């Protein structure tokens, strides 16, 4: 009898292992298992903190903005250069380029923030839609009308075109051949406009739901709307997905992968919302979903990881939808991933550079 019980225990153990293996292979939402395995918080080390906001130039330099002063810093937080920019506003700071504005003027600098590449009187109330190695896509106003403009990295205006509505987002191909603009028109309808290298409309489409994020992939458009995602070209619809919920955050990679945060009701009779992140391939296949414990405030996807900010810290997921770790720091208002080992967080009116250490607490 004892031998029989022992045999049953062994068989049950083998069966459990098989079930877990099947779950990993077939389940598109392997959240429970990943949470059980990796529930500890991520170890981090504060390298330095400074008042105001901090940005990374893409190599080994940081920018710090506080009380109208722009400081250029090295990786240890030492000040290399300081400048008064109290009369200007930073529109964009990231790899390869720093963009400032003063009224209707735009100023483009190199990655070190030192050399002015171009200064143009273009638009008022400017905002940056997209930045690539060769182009800068902006939106703004001129004589009360909404415009989009594509600039080269030397500040030259390649095209400037008025748009029929408020521009929500935009994206330009690496060659500048095509640009997609998501526009909210006067009838409060969502519209996507594809323009060519001269700024002329190649084709457009109108959607019932507002497009929030858009990307050009080859000659196709991939977009996230307020309740779904789709892909289309000028000839046909490629795919269309209804999320059955409201999109609160979203991101489309350069390769066309979509990460979208969805808010949905717990049940038909509940007013409480549940949040989850959905990953979709460029072909429109739902790869996985992950239920979130808290309302996300921001989402970024860098290299092989997805970073999600909530009230208690930053959740780090792999591209396969598994929980890697969580940085448990409350009160983070904004964050920017530098690389897989460093992250900038903004809290309590100061910015800190954190080093992500090996191992967990």
Foldseek 3Di string as FASTA:
>chain_A
DVVVVVVVVVVVVVVVVVVVVVCVVPAQAPEVVLCVVFVFFFDKDFLDKDFADKAAQQDFWMWGDDPQKIFIAGNNRDTPDIDGRNQWAWQDHYHFWTWIDHAQKIWIDTSRRPDTLEIDRHAGPKHWQDDDNFWTWIWHDDPRFIKIWIATNSGHTQEIDTDQAAWQHKEADPVLQWIWTWGQHPVRWIKIFIAGSNRHTPDMDTDRFGWRYWYQDPQKIWTQTQFWIFIDHPPGTQDTDGNQFGWDAWDADPQGKIKTKGWDAPDPPGPDTWIKIWIAHNNGDTNHMYTDPFDWDYWDDDDQWIWTDDQQFIWIAGVSGRTPHTHGDGAFPDKDDSHPFWIWTDGPSMITIMGGDPDGD
